[in-house]
Structures are given as structure tokens and as C-alpha cells.
Amino acid sequence: MPAVNPETSMNPGPPSRARFVWPVIVFLFVASRIWLHEYISPVLDSDTYKYLGGADALINGGPLPPLFDDLPVTGGALHAVPGYAWFISAVWQALGTVSMSSILFCQSLLALVGNLAACSLVQRTIGPWTAIAVFSALTLSPSIAWLEHTVMPDVLAPQLLFLSVWLAAAGVRGGKSGLVASALLAGAIAGAQILLRTASQVYLPIPLIVAALAWKRIPASLAWLIFYVAGIILVISPWVVDNHRRHGVYDVSHSIGRNLYFSGLWTNTIDRSKELRRLGISGPANVMASFRISDLVFRTHLESGKTVAEADDAMRERAISVYRQSSFPNLARQRFKVLMALFEPDPEMGGTVRPMRQNSVHYLSKRGLGMELQAWAQDRFQYRFSPALRESLKDARRSHAGAVKLVRRWMQEFTLEGLPLLYLFLVATLLLFALRIWLIVFAFAAPVAAFLAAFLFVGTPLWRYQAALHPFMVVVIVTALSATLQKLMKLMTLRHDLGSTSDTTGKKARK
């Protein structure tokens, strides 16, 4: 399969007026994000508070809270990684203020850089106007903007991957020094992705594939791999060594067992009613009971004398044993159901996926900033917030009525999500395969496939998980549409030219 050269455009020639459009659409991006972050309350998930607590502890000179060390909850030690807490504390220290808006602005700044990197690849492969269309779509998407407006690390994973694949392709211009620099930096970014969100491990092969397409030579690709891995190791090593010191394992995280067990509970592959009876606890066996059951099982293993890693291994064995007892058709049906629930709300899978267009009131309801949730988070994560953090959370409740009205209209008019987005993405990916535009396929479609493959085994459907795939999917859809239209226009032009030539030849023959 011949690879598309990232240095060659399907639409060669000078960019002409396209270069004058870029300042306008970049200004639109910046203005929309300033307006959104200034006039609309930020979105906080329940998990946001573990990262805020970590950052709060760090800027006040303390160690990371118990969640990152030995807290006996499902999302506790050897599961929670500190990258996002480090990011928040670095932002607060650099700006000299503890505020939610400072986090949001820095996230949007990284998103801007990542989007430009993605569009640079699209421009080299397809053409400047396609890159402009892609950037415009990324800017106008309410779900992508809302992800930047959420104080969670999900927004950073796709943007950092955009930077990694851009480095993988762009490094070829710098010769040997470009190879070393691009590989080390891409590896460092990949390591940061892992420390921000461990699910980002599924993206690790993507820059390697893009680098192989760009360099086209096995020795160069192998050298890029070596330096890429070296960059990853440099970033994650301190945390891995610290985990070995505290827990006796050389791991960034050790929570696959808890993830398997929890996902099995969520789909009821592991029967929640039976687990409640086995554990001797009462209460409804609905999907939300998965949290209570997982926490209790994890805590019970730790109280029996197991280490965190051993407790996780025990939960993994429990999940696998139940999966083995289930018939393959039933297991496949349940896993496919959780995958589809990521894009289409399913009552049996809880109310964690809410389409933005139909639920704009929910998304604009200051959710996550209530005192009850803050009190719950402080109790669950065993960390008391400092006065400065409590004051910043109070100040964050500031939505302007006019701005809320405009954002609701934005959500109503421009939202593309759920099954329509998924189906468009699948069709677009097939078009890219047909056109053999491999760079776009592997840089932007492959990450979605990798995430969904992992999600089949350890996934629980959350709207922000779907939204974190939107940047990749939007790039694929717009690029495939543009490339297909260009191909059709070329065919029509060729047919017209052939027809004109045939007519001219016929006239000469008659004469």
C-alpha cells in the first residue's frame, strides 16, 4: 500500500487567499473561548475534585492526597495518576492565582496549538482550504468547546496526540537532528498523556505508524522508535519509581482489574444482585450500585492484608472468572451494548450519556459546583480543601443569563454527536480507505478505533468519553468530504477535457 507523502498535497500550488483566512478563524477560536470561559460557569465532574485536591495540596507545600497513595476506593491508589493535578498546580503557580478560569484558558490554549498541528497535517495531505474547513469545524463544535470548558484531563489527550503525530510527520524535514528531536519530544508528550489519563496508552502506537509513513525507511523508523520510547521513559520514570517505592510494582498504574470488574458490574455481566448478596449488603441492584460494590470489594481485599496491586489482581481474576462462565453470544451482546451506549443513551446503562442538543439545560446548570458535591468529594477523597480553593469554587458560579441563552442556541444549531456522528465517521473512514489517504487514516481514525477496542473490555459510557473522540472524528469527516469532492471535481474536469478533445478530433476528421 503506497503511503501518502505528508510533504505532498493533493491540491498543490500556492495557498493564495487561504493564508489571509487563518487570522480570521484563529481570532474566532480565541474570541469564542474567552467569551465561553468568562461568562459561563465551568463544568466540574465528581472526579474533578480529586485533581483539584491534588493541585491544592501541592501549591500549599504538602504531598499528594491519600487518593494517589493508599485510599481504598475504586479510583484510588495505583489508579489515579497525578498528571492533571500537576498541570493545574503549574497553571496556578505560574499565574499566581487559584481559579477555575485559569485552567480553562490554558486548556483552550493547548487545544489551539493541537488543532493547528492537526490542520498542518491536513494541509500537507489534502490542501489549505481543507485545513481551514477542519479548523472551522473544530472551533464551531459545541461538544469540543464544552470539553475545553470542563475541568477534566479528557480534553488534553487528543490535543497532545495531535502534536505527537505532527512531530512524527514533520521531523522528516530536519534530517538526523529532526529525527532525534521529533522522536524525543513526541515521546515526552506521549508520556505526559499517560500521566494525565492512563487510557491514553492505547494511543502509543499511533505516532510510530505516522513516523513510518513519513520516513519510509526501516532504519530511520527504528531509530525514531528508539528515541520515542526514550522520551516516554524519561517522563514516566519518576512516577513509576515512586510507585515501586510505595507499592512494590514498576507501573504507572495498576488498575486493570478494577476496571474490568467495574465494567462487568456496569453491564451486569457480573450480576449485581448476586454480588450484593455475596457481600452481605443491602440496597437496590441498579447500575449505580457498581460504585458501592467495587469500593467494598477493593476495601475488603486490602483489609485482608493484600497490597493495592494484589487487590487489583484479585478483582481481575474475579471478573475474568465470571466472563468465562458467560456464554460467548451473551458476553458479546453485553459488550457491544456498552459500546453503543457510549453514543446512544441506554436506560440499562444508566443516565451518564446525555445528548447535548436535547439536554442543553443540564449542561448549563452549574452542575458540579454545588456544596453537597464538594462535601461528598472531600469525604470520599479524604482531603479538606484550602480556603483559597473553596473561594475559587464559589467565584466560579457566575453564568451570565444572556451568555447562557446564546450557548444554548449554539448547542441547538451546531451540535453533532451520538449515532449520527459515529455513522458519519465510519463512512468517512471508508472513503479515506478508498482514496488511500493513509496518513489521515492512521493519524486521526486509528485513535478512535484503538479507544473503542479498549472500551469494549473496560468501558463505562460517559458523555465526556464520547466527546473526547470528537476532535478525531471531526477531522476525519471534514477531510474525507473535502478529499472526495476534490476527487470528483478532478474526474469531472478530466471527463470534460476528454469530451472536448474527442469533439475536436471528430470535427477535424469530418473536414
Protein backbone atom coordinates (compact mmCIF):
# COMPACT_ATOMS: atom_id res chain seq x y z
CA MET A 1 0.00 0.00 0.00
CA PRO A 2 1.66 3.22 -1.05
CA ALA A 3 1.69 5.80 1.68
CA VAL A 4 0.70 9.40 1.16
CA ASN A 5 3.71 11.65 1.46
CA PRO A 6 2.94 14.27 4.12
CA GLU A 7 5.12 16.68 2.19
CA THR A 8 2.90 16.41 -0.89
CA SER A 9 -0.53 17.91 -1.22
CA MET A 10 -3.39 16.51 -3.29
CA ASN A 11 -4.07 20.13 -4.15
CA PRO A 12 -0.61 21.53 -4.93
CA GLY A 13 0.18 25.12 -5.61
CA PRO A 14 0.36 28.34 -3.62
CA PRO A 15 -2.21 28.75 -0.86
CA SER A 16 -3.26 32.13 -2.38
CA ARG A 17 -6.06 33.71 -0.35
CA ALA A 18 -6.11 30.87 2.20
CA ARG A 19 -3.26 32.45 4.17
CA PHE A 20 -5.40 35.52 4.82
CA VAL A 21 -8.27 33.44 6.23
CA TRP A 22 -6.22 31.91 9.03
CA PRO A 23 -6.00 35.04 11.22
CA VAL A 24 -9.79 35.39 11.00
CA ILE A 25 -10.64 31.84 12.08
CA VAL A 26 -7.96 31.80 14.78
CA PHE A 27 -9.45 35.02 16.10
CA LEU A 28 -12.88 33.35 16.06
CA PHE A 29 -11.49 30.46 18.12
CA VAL A 30 -9.83 32.75 20.67
CA ALA A 31 -12.82 35.08 20.97
CA SER A 32 -15.31 32.22 21.39
CA ARG A 33 -13.23 30.60 24.14
CA ILE A 34 -12.67 33.86 26.02
CA TRP A 35 -16.38 34.55 25.89
CA LEU A 36 -17.30 30.99 26.95
CA HIS A 37 -14.86 30.80 29.86
CA GLU A 38 -15.57 34.32 31.12
CA TYR A 39 -19.37 34.27 31.07
CA ILE A 40 -20.34 30.61 31.65
CA SER A 41 -19.64 28.65 34.84
CA PRO A 42 -17.04 25.90 34.31
CA VAL A 43 -18.11 22.27 34.29
CA LEU A 44 -16.86 20.11 37.17
CA ASP A 45 -17.21 16.35 37.25
CA SER A 46 -17.19 14.47 40.54
CA ASP A 47 -13.70 13.24 39.60
CA THR A 48 -12.59 16.84 39.08
CA TYR A 49 -12.27 17.22 42.83
CA LYS A 50 -9.57 14.59 43.17
CA TYR A 51 -7.39 16.60 40.76
CA LEU A 52 -8.28 19.92 42.39
CA GLY A 53 -7.44 18.40 45.76
CA GLY A 54 -4.09 17.18 44.42
CA ALA A 55 -3.22 20.58 42.97
CA ASP A 56 -4.39 22.33 46.14
CA ALA A 57 -2.14 20.12 48.26
CA LEU A 58 0.85 20.70 46.00
CA ILE A 59 0.65 24.51 45.91
CA ASN A 60 0.34 24.51 49.71
CA GLY A 61 3.55 22.53 50.06
CA GLY A 62 2.00 19.22 51.01
CA PRO A 63 2.21 15.73 49.50
CA LEU A 64 -0.45 14.41 47.16
CA PRO A 65 -3.67 13.41 48.98
CA PRO A 66 -4.33 9.78 50.04
CA LEU A 67 -6.19 9.09 46.77
CA PHE A 68 -2.85 8.90 44.96
CA ASP A 69 -1.23 6.74 47.64
CA ASP A 70 -3.36 4.28 49.59
CA LEU A 71 -7.03 5.31 49.63
CA PRO A 72 -9.22 2.15 49.50
CA VAL A 73 -11.68 3.30 46.82
CA THR A 74 -12.02 2.07 43.25
CA GLY A 75 -10.40 5.17 41.78
CA GLY A 76 -7.70 5.35 44.43
CA ALA A 77 -4.05 4.36 44.67
CA LEU A 78 -2.37 2.89 41.59
CA HIS A 79 -5.33 4.10 39.54
CA ALA A 80 -5.35 7.88 39.89
CA VAL A 81 -2.38 9.39 38.06
CA PRO A 82 -1.15 12.84 39.12
CA GLY A 83 -0.54 14.46 35.73
CA TYR A 84 -3.66 16.65 35.73
CA ALA A 85 -3.07 17.72 39.34
CA TRP A 86 0.47 18.70 38.34
CA PHE A 87 -0.90 20.60 35.34
CA ILE A 88 -3.41 22.55 37.47
CA SER A 89 -0.84 23.39 40.16
CA ALA A 90 1.63 24.55 37.49
CA VAL A 91 -1.04 26.85 35.99
CA TRP A 92 -1.92 28.30 39.39
CA GLN A 93 1.71 28.81 40.36
CA ALA A 94 2.60 30.39 37.00
CA LEU A 95 -0.34 32.81 37.11
CA GLY A 96 -0.16 33.39 40.85
CA THR A 97 -3.86 32.74 41.40
CA VAL A 98 -6.14 29.84 42.28
CA SER A 99 -9.05 29.98 39.85
CA MET A 100 -11.07 27.70 37.60
CA SER A 101 -10.98 30.06 34.63
CA SER A 102 -7.16 29.96 34.50
CA ILE A 103 -7.34 26.18 33.99
CA LEU A 104 -9.90 26.56 31.20
CA PHE A 105 -7.89 29.22 29.35
CA CYS A 106 -4.74 27.07 29.45
CA GLN A 107 -6.70 24.07 28.19
CA SER A 108 -8.02 26.12 25.27
CA LEU A 109 -4.53 27.42 24.53
CA LEU A 110 -3.27 23.83 24.28
CA ALA A 111 -6.31 22.98 22.16
CA LEU A 112 -5.46 25.83 19.80
CA VAL A 113 -1.89 24.57 19.36
CA GLY A 114 -3.09 20.98 18.91
CA ASN A 115 -5.75 21.96 16.37
CA LEU A 116 -3.20 23.93 14.35
CA ALA A 117 -0.87 20.92 14.37
CA ALA A 118 -3.66 18.67 13.11
CA CYS A 119 -4.60 21.17 10.41
CA SER A 120 -0.95 21.40 9.34
CA LEU A 121 -1.01 17.68 8.55
CA VAL A 122 -4.31 18.03 6.73
CA GLN A 123 -2.95 20.94 4.68
CA ARG A 124 0.10 18.97 3.58
CA THR A 125 -2.00 15.96 2.65
CA ILE A 126 -5.14 17.47 1.12
CA GLY A 127 -4.77 21.23 0.77
CA PRO A 128 -5.07 24.61 2.53
CA TRP A 129 -8.82 25.06 2.18
CA THR A 130 -9.47 21.64 3.67
CA ALA A 131 -7.30 22.60 6.64
CA ILE A 132 -9.33 25.78 7.04
CA ALA A 133 -12.57 23.78 6.93
CA VAL A 134 -11.23 21.36 9.57
CA PHE A 135 -10.15 24.16 11.92
CA SER A 136 -13.51 25.89 11.49
CA ALA A 137 -15.36 22.67 12.34
CA LEU A 138 -13.21 22.11 15.43
CA THR A 139 -13.89 25.70 16.53
CA LEU A 140 -17.65 25.62 15.96
CA SER A 141 -18.31 22.22 17.56
CA PRO A 142 -20.13 22.85 20.88
CA SER A 143 -19.12 19.47 22.31
CA ILE A 144 -15.41 20.11 21.66
CA ALA A 145 -15.64 23.62 23.12
CA TRP A 146 -17.52 22.21 26.12
CA LEU A 147 -14.79 19.64 26.66
CA GLU A 148 -12.31 22.53 26.90
CA HIS A 149 -14.75 24.12 29.37
CA THR A 150 -14.71 21.04 31.62
CA VAL A 151 -12.12 20.78 34.38
CA MET A 152 -11.02 17.25 33.47
CA PRO A 153 -7.99 15.88 31.60
CA ASP A 154 -10.06 14.36 28.77
CA VAL A 155 -9.61 17.43 26.56
CA LEU A 156 -5.81 17.24 26.68
CA ALA A 157 -5.40 13.67 25.36
CA PRO A 158 -6.50 14.29 21.74
CA GLN A 159 -4.69 17.62 21.52
CA LEU A 160 -1.41 16.15 22.75
CA LEU A 161 -1.78 13.29 20.28
CA PHE A 162 -2.30 15.85 17.50
CA LEU A 163 1.06 17.33 18.49
CA SER A 164 2.75 13.91 18.61
CA VAL A 165 1.61 12.86 15.13
CA TRP A 166 2.55 16.27 13.73
CA LEU A 167 6.05 15.85 15.16
CA ALA A 168 6.24 12.33 13.72
CA ALA A 169 5.48 13.64 10.23
CA ALA A 170 7.29 16.98 10.44
CA GLY A 171 10.54 15.54 11.82
CA VAL A 172 11.47 14.21 8.37
CA ARG A 173 12.27 17.77 7.28
CA GLY A 174 15.09 18.08 9.81
CA GLY A 175 17.22 15.10 8.76
CA LYS A 176 19.03 13.23 11.56
CA SER A 177 18.67 16.02 14.09
CA GLY A 178 14.98 16.30 13.19
CA LEU A 179 14.59 12.58 13.76
CA VAL A 180 16.07 12.69 17.25
CA ALA A 181 14.33 15.90 18.32
CA SER A 182 10.89 14.96 16.96
CA ALA A 183 11.02 11.44 18.41
CA LEU A 184 12.16 12.54 21.87
CA LEU A 185 9.59 15.34 22.05
CA ALA A 186 6.78 13.13 20.72
CA GLY A 187 7.73 10.51 23.32
CA ALA A 188 7.74 13.09 26.10
CA ILE A 189 4.27 14.25 25.02
CA ALA A 190 3.07 10.63 24.94
CA GLY A 191 4.42 10.14 28.47
CA ALA A 192 2.56 13.26 29.60
CA GLN A 193 -0.62 11.85 28.03
CA ILE A 194 -0.28 8.69 30.12
CA LEU A 195 0.25 10.64 33.35
CA LEU A 196 -2.77 12.79 32.54
CA ARG A 197 -5.05 9.91 31.57
CA THR A 198 -3.91 6.29 31.64
CA ALA A 199 -6.39 5.37 28.88
CA SER A 200 -4.05 7.30 26.55
CA GLN A 201 -1.79 4.24 26.50
CA VAL A 202 -3.94 2.94 23.63
CA TYR A 203 -2.64 5.84 21.51
CA LEU A 204 1.06 5.00 21.91
CA PRO A 205 1.46 3.17 18.54
CA ILE A 206 -0.17 5.97 16.51
CA PRO A 207 2.87 8.32 16.25
CA LEU A 208 5.05 5.31 15.39
CA ILE A 209 2.84 4.44 12.40
CA VAL A 210 2.79 8.05 11.22
CA ALA A 211 6.57 8.26 11.56
CA ALA A 212 6.95 5.08 9.47
CA LEU A 213 4.73 6.59 6.76
CA ALA A 214 6.75 9.80 6.81
CA TRP A 215 10.28 8.35 6.90
CA LYS A 216 9.59 5.39 4.56
CA ARG A 217 12.86 3.72 5.55
CA ILE A 218 13.12 0.90 8.08
CA PRO A 219 16.40 2.10 9.72
CA ALA A 220 15.01 5.60 10.20
CA SER A 221 11.71 4.25 11.52
CA LEU A 222 13.53 2.01 14.01
CA ALA A 223 15.70 4.90 15.17
CA TRP A 224 12.58 7.05 15.62
CA LEU A 225 11.03 4.24 17.69
CA ILE A 226 14.06 4.06 20.00
CA PHE A 227 14.12 7.79 20.72
CA TYR A 228 10.32 7.89 21.02
CA VAL A 229 10.38 5.21 23.71
CA ALA A 230 13.27 7.02 25.41
CA GLY A 231 11.15 10.18 25.59
CA ILE A 232 8.27 8.26 27.17
CA ILE A 233 10.55 6.66 29.76
CA LEU A 234 12.09 10.00 30.72
CA VAL A 235 8.68 11.42 31.59
CA ILE A 236 7.01 8.48 33.32
CA SER A 237 10.05 7.12 35.18
CA PRO A 238 9.79 9.32 38.30
CA TRP A 239 6.19 8.26 38.89
CA VAL A 240 6.94 4.58 38.11
CA VAL A 241 9.88 4.59 40.55
CA ASP A 242 7.71 6.27 43.19
CA ASN A 243 5.04 3.59 42.73
CA HIS A 244 7.65 0.89 43.19
CA ARG A 245 8.85 2.58 46.38
CA ARG A 246 5.33 2.77 47.81
CA HIS A 247 3.62 -0.27 46.29
CA GLY A 248 6.37 -2.60 45.07
CA VAL A 249 5.38 -2.51 41.37
CA TYR A 250 7.05 -0.79 38.44
CA ASP A 251 3.80 0.53 36.94
CA VAL A 252 2.32 3.89 36.02
CA SER A 253 -0.95 2.43 37.26
CA HIS A 254 -2.18 -0.99 38.30
CA SER A 255 -5.94 -0.90 37.97
CA ILE A 256 -6.95 -3.04 35.00
CA GLY A 257 -8.57 -5.49 37.44
CA ARG A 258 -10.73 -2.78 38.99
CA ASN A 259 -11.65 -1.50 35.53
CA LEU A 260 -12.63 -4.98 34.31
CA TYR A 261 -14.62 -5.69 37.45
CA PHE A 262 -16.37 -2.31 37.44
CA SER A 263 -17.26 -2.52 33.74
CA GLY A 264 -18.57 -6.05 34.31
CA LEU A 265 -20.81 -4.74 37.07
CA TRP A 266 -21.99 -1.85 34.93
CA THR A 267 -23.15 -4.18 32.13
CA ASN A 268 -24.43 -6.72 34.69
CA THR A 269 -22.13 -9.35 33.18
CA ILE A 270 -21.13 -9.68 36.82
CA ASP A 271 -24.61 -9.96 38.32
CA ARG A 272 -25.00 -7.03 40.70
CA SER A 273 -27.78 -8.71 42.72
CA LYS A 274 -25.62 -11.78 43.32
CA GLU A 275 -22.63 -9.64 44.27
CA LEU A 276 -24.71 -7.68 46.79
CA ARG A 277 -25.92 -10.92 48.37
CA ARG A 278 -22.42 -12.41 48.33
CA LEU A 279 -21.05 -9.35 50.08
CA GLY A 280 -23.94 -9.20 52.53
CA ILE A 281 -25.00 -5.65 51.75
CA SER A 282 -28.50 -4.37 51.07
CA GLY A 283 -29.78 -1.80 48.61
CA PRO A 284 -31.01 -1.56 45.03
CA ALA A 285 -29.03 -3.50 42.44
CA ASN A 286 -29.21 -0.71 39.85
CA VAL A 287 -26.31 0.33 37.68
CA MET A 288 -25.15 2.99 40.17
CA ALA A 289 -24.62 0.25 42.76
CA SER A 290 -21.49 -0.64 40.76
CA PHE A 291 -19.58 2.08 42.63
CA ARG A 292 -20.59 0.80 46.05
CA ILE A 293 -19.85 -2.83 45.20
CA SER A 294 -16.45 -2.08 43.66
CA ASP A 295 -15.35 0.07 46.59
CA LEU A 296 -16.39 -2.57 49.10
CA VAL A 297 -14.65 -5.42 47.25
CA PHE A 298 -11.46 -3.39 46.88
CA ARG A 299 -11.51 -2.34 50.53
CA THR A 300 -12.17 -5.93 51.67
CA HIS A 301 -9.13 -7.20 49.77
CA LEU A 302 -6.92 -4.50 51.31
CA GLU A 303 -8.21 -5.25 54.82
CA SER A 304 -7.35 -8.93 54.30
CA GLY A 305 -3.69 -7.95 54.02
CA LYS A 306 -3.28 -7.69 50.26
CA THR A 307 -1.34 -4.84 48.71
CA VAL A 308 -3.07 -2.48 46.30
CA ALA A 309 -1.60 -4.38 43.33
CA GLU A 310 -2.63 -7.75 44.79
CA ALA A 311 -6.14 -6.48 45.47
CA ASP A 312 -6.39 -5.30 41.88
CA ASP A 313 -5.17 -8.67 40.61
CA ALA A 314 -7.82 -10.41 42.72
CA MET A 315 -10.57 -8.23 41.21
CA ARG A 316 -9.23 -9.00 37.76
CA GLU A 317 -9.35 -12.74 38.43
CA ARG A 318 -12.91 -12.42 39.74
CA ALA A 319 -14.01 -10.53 36.61
CA ILE A 320 -12.31 -12.98 34.22
CA SER A 321 -13.80 -15.99 36.00
CA VAL A 322 -17.31 -14.57 35.59
CA TYR A 323 -16.66 -13.68 31.95
CA ARG A 324 -15.53 -17.25 31.30
CA GLN A 325 -18.75 -18.61 32.79
CA SER A 326 -20.84 -16.43 30.49
CA SER A 327 -21.72 -17.75 27.02
CA PHE A 328 -19.89 -16.03 24.19
CA PRO A 329 -23.08 -14.73 22.45
CA ASN A 330 -24.31 -13.23 25.73
CA LEU A 331 -20.92 -11.71 26.54
CA ALA A 332 -20.58 -10.29 23.02
CA ARG A 333 -24.08 -8.80 23.21
CA GLN A 334 -23.38 -7.13 26.55
CA ARG A 335 -20.03 -5.71 25.45
CA PHE A 336 -21.48 -4.42 22.18
CA LYS A 337 -24.31 -2.87 24.18
CA VAL A 338 -21.91 -0.89 26.38
CA LEU A 339 -20.07 0.27 23.26
CA MET A 340 -23.26 1.53 21.61
CA ALA A 341 -24.37 3.12 24.90
CA LEU A 342 -21.38 5.43 24.55
CA PHE A 343 -23.17 7.01 21.56
CA GLU A 344 -26.85 6.36 22.28
CA PRO A 345 -28.44 6.66 25.76
CA ASP A 346 -29.48 3.27 27.15
CA PRO A 347 -31.62 3.13 30.34
CA GLU A 348 -29.96 -0.14 31.32
CA MET A 349 -26.56 1.56 31.20
CA GLY A 350 -27.50 4.47 33.47
CA GLY A 351 -28.02 8.12 32.65
CA THR A 352 -24.38 9.01 32.09
CA VAL A 353 -24.69 9.78 28.37
CA ARG A 354 -26.95 12.74 27.65
CA PRO A 355 -27.08 14.20 24.13
CA MET A 356 -26.12 17.85 24.26
CA ARG A 357 -28.81 19.17 21.92
CA GLN A 358 -31.70 17.65 23.90
CA ASN A 359 -30.12 18.36 27.29
CA SER A 360 -28.64 21.84 26.98
CA VAL A 361 -30.32 22.86 30.26
CA HIS A 362 -28.44 20.05 32.01
CA TYR A 363 -25.10 21.17 30.57
CA LEU A 364 -25.69 24.79 31.63
CA SER A 365 -26.94 24.07 35.14
CA LYS A 366 -23.79 24.84 37.17
CA ARG A 367 -23.55 21.12 37.82
CA GLY A 368 -20.54 20.07 39.85
CA LEU A 369 -20.27 23.35 41.73
CA GLY A 370 -22.78 22.56 44.47
CA MET A 371 -21.72 22.45 48.11
CA GLU A 372 -23.16 18.95 48.58
CA LEU A 373 -20.92 17.50 45.87
CA GLN A 374 -17.90 19.33 47.28
CA ALA A 375 -18.61 17.91 50.74
CA TRP A 376 -19.04 14.42 49.26
CA ALA A 377 -15.76 14.73 47.34
CA GLN A 378 -13.81 15.89 50.38
CA ASP A 379 -15.14 12.95 52.37
CA ARG A 380 -14.56 10.37 49.64
CA PHE A 381 -11.07 11.55 48.75
CA GLN A 382 -10.11 12.30 52.37
CA TYR A 383 -8.79 15.78 51.69
CA ARG A 384 -10.08 19.11 53.02
CA PHE A 385 -9.92 21.98 50.54
CA SER A 386 -7.97 25.11 51.42
CA PRO A 387 -9.84 28.44 51.86
CA ALA A 388 -8.37 29.66 48.55
CA LEU A 389 -9.76 26.68 46.64
CA ARG A 390 -13.17 26.97 48.31
CA GLU A 391 -13.29 30.66 47.42
CA SER A 392 -12.34 29.97 43.78
CA LEU A 393 -15.14 27.38 43.54
CA LYS A 394 -17.58 29.93 44.92
CA ASP A 395 -16.41 32.57 42.41
CA ALA A 396 -16.83 30.11 39.53
CA ARG A 397 -20.63 30.23 39.85
CA ARG A 398 -21.07 33.20 37.55
CA SER A 399 -23.08 32.33 34.41
CA HIS A 400 -24.49 35.37 32.60
CA ALA A 401 -28.14 35.00 31.50
CA GLY A 402 -27.53 36.36 28.01
CA ALA A 403 -24.47 34.17 27.52
CA VAL A 404 -26.39 31.08 28.66
CA LYS A 405 -29.09 31.83 26.10
CA LEU A 406 -26.53 32.18 23.29
CA VAL A 407 -24.70 28.97 24.29
CA ARG A 408 -27.99 27.05 24.29
CA ARG A 409 -28.64 28.27 20.74
CA TRP A 410 -25.07 27.30 19.79
CA MET A 411 -25.69 23.80 21.16
CA GLN A 412 -29.02 23.55 19.32
CA GLU A 413 -27.67 24.64 15.94
CA PHE A 414 -24.15 23.20 15.74
CA THR A 415 -24.06 20.01 17.84
CA LEU A 416 -23.07 16.82 16.03
CA GLU A 417 -22.81 13.83 18.35
CA GLY A 418 -24.07 10.35 19.12
CA LEU A 419 -25.00 7.86 16.42
CA PRO A 420 -25.13 10.42 13.55
CA LEU A 421 -21.53 11.37 14.35
CA LEU A 422 -20.49 7.71 14.62
CA TYR A 423 -22.09 6.76 11.30
CA LEU A 424 -20.59 9.76 9.51
CA PHE A 425 -17.19 8.86 10.95
CA LEU A 426 -17.45 5.26 9.72
CA VAL A 427 -18.47 6.35 6.21
CA ALA A 428 -15.70 8.96 6.14
CA THR A 429 -13.12 6.38 7.22
CA LEU A 430 -14.22 4.07 4.39
CA LEU A 431 -13.85 6.96 1.93
CA LEU A 432 -10.31 7.62 3.18
CA PHE A 433 -9.51 3.93 2.72
CA ALA A 434 -10.90 4.06 -0.81
CA LEU A 435 -8.84 7.15 -1.60
CA ARG A 436 -5.81 5.52 0.10
CA ILE A 437 -5.04 8.58 2.23
CA TRP A 438 -3.20 6.57 4.84
CA LEU A 439 -1.71 9.45 6.81
CA ILE A 440 -5.16 10.78 7.76
CA VAL A 441 -6.44 7.25 8.45
CA PHE A 442 -3.66 6.39 10.88
CA ALA A 443 -3.25 9.83 12.45
CA PHE A 444 -6.94 10.53 13.13
CA ALA A 445 -9.16 7.50 12.50
CA ALA A 446 -6.92 4.88 14.14
CA PRO A 447 -7.02 6.57 17.59
CA VAL A 448 -10.81 6.24 17.64
CA ALA A 449 -10.59 2.57 16.70
CA ALA A 450 -7.95 1.97 19.38
CA PHE A 451 -10.01 3.66 22.08
CA LEU A 452 -13.22 1.82 21.17
CA ALA A 453 -11.40 -1.53 21.09
CA ALA A 454 -10.19 -0.96 24.66
CA PHE A 455 -13.59 0.42 25.68
CA LEU A 456 -15.21 -2.88 24.71
CA PHE A 457 -13.40 -4.54 27.62
CA VAL A 458 -13.11 -1.91 30.34
CA GLY A 459 -15.57 0.78 29.33
CA THR A 460 -18.44 2.52 31.08
CA PRO A 461 -20.42 5.02 28.99
CA LEU A 462 -19.80 8.64 29.95
CA TRP A 463 -20.60 11.60 27.73
CA ARG A 464 -17.14 13.10 28.15
CA TYR A 465 -15.59 9.84 26.88
CA GLN A 466 -17.58 10.28 23.67
CA ALA A 467 -16.74 13.99 23.48
CA ALA A 468 -13.01 13.22 23.81
CA LEU A 469 -13.30 11.32 20.49
CA HIS A 470 -15.00 14.22 18.70
CA PRO A 471 -11.78 16.05 17.67
CA PHE A 472 -10.50 12.94 15.85
CA MET A 473 -13.89 12.23 14.28
CA VAL A 474 -14.45 15.79 13.10
CA VAL A 475 -11.03 15.87 11.39
CA VAL A 476 -11.77 12.56 9.63
CA ILE A 477 -15.25 13.59 8.48
CA VAL A 478 -14.31 17.01 7.10
CA THR A 479 -11.12 15.73 5.48
CA ALA A 480 -12.85 12.78 3.81
CA LEU A 481 -15.65 15.00 2.50
CA SER A 482 -13.18 17.53 1.08
CA ALA A 483 -10.90 14.89 -0.46
CA THR A 484 -13.88 13.12 -2.06
CA LEU A 485 -15.22 16.37 -3.54
CA GLN A 486 -11.78 17.21 -4.91
CA LYS A 487 -11.52 13.75 -6.46
CA LEU A 488 -14.97 14.07 -8.07
CA MET A 489 -14.14 17.53 -9.41
CA LYS A 490 -10.92 16.20 -10.95
CA LEU A 491 -12.82 13.33 -12.58
CA MET A 492 -15.45 15.70 -13.93
CA THR A 493 -12.74 18.03 -15.27
CA LEU A 494 -10.92 15.10 -16.86
CA ARG A 495 -14.15 13.83 -18.44
CA HIS A 496 -14.90 17.32 -19.75
CA ASP A 497 -11.37 17.64 -21.18
CA LEU A 498 -11.62 14.21 -22.83
CA GLY A 499 -15.01 15.13 -24.25
CA SER A 500 -13.65 18.40 -25.66
CA THR A 501 -10.67 16.59 -27.19
CA SER A 502 -12.95 13.97 -28.72
CA ASP A 503 -15.22 16.63 -30.24
CA THR A 504 -12.24 18.50 -31.71
CA THR A 505 -10.80 15.30 -33.19
CA GLY A 506 -14.18 14.40 -34.68
CA LYS A 507 -14.57 17.80 -36.34
CA LYS A 508 -11.09 17.55 -37.86
CA ALA A 509 -11.83 14.07 -39.15
CA ARG A 510 -15.06 15.24 -40.84
CA LYS A 511 -13.19 18.05 -42.53
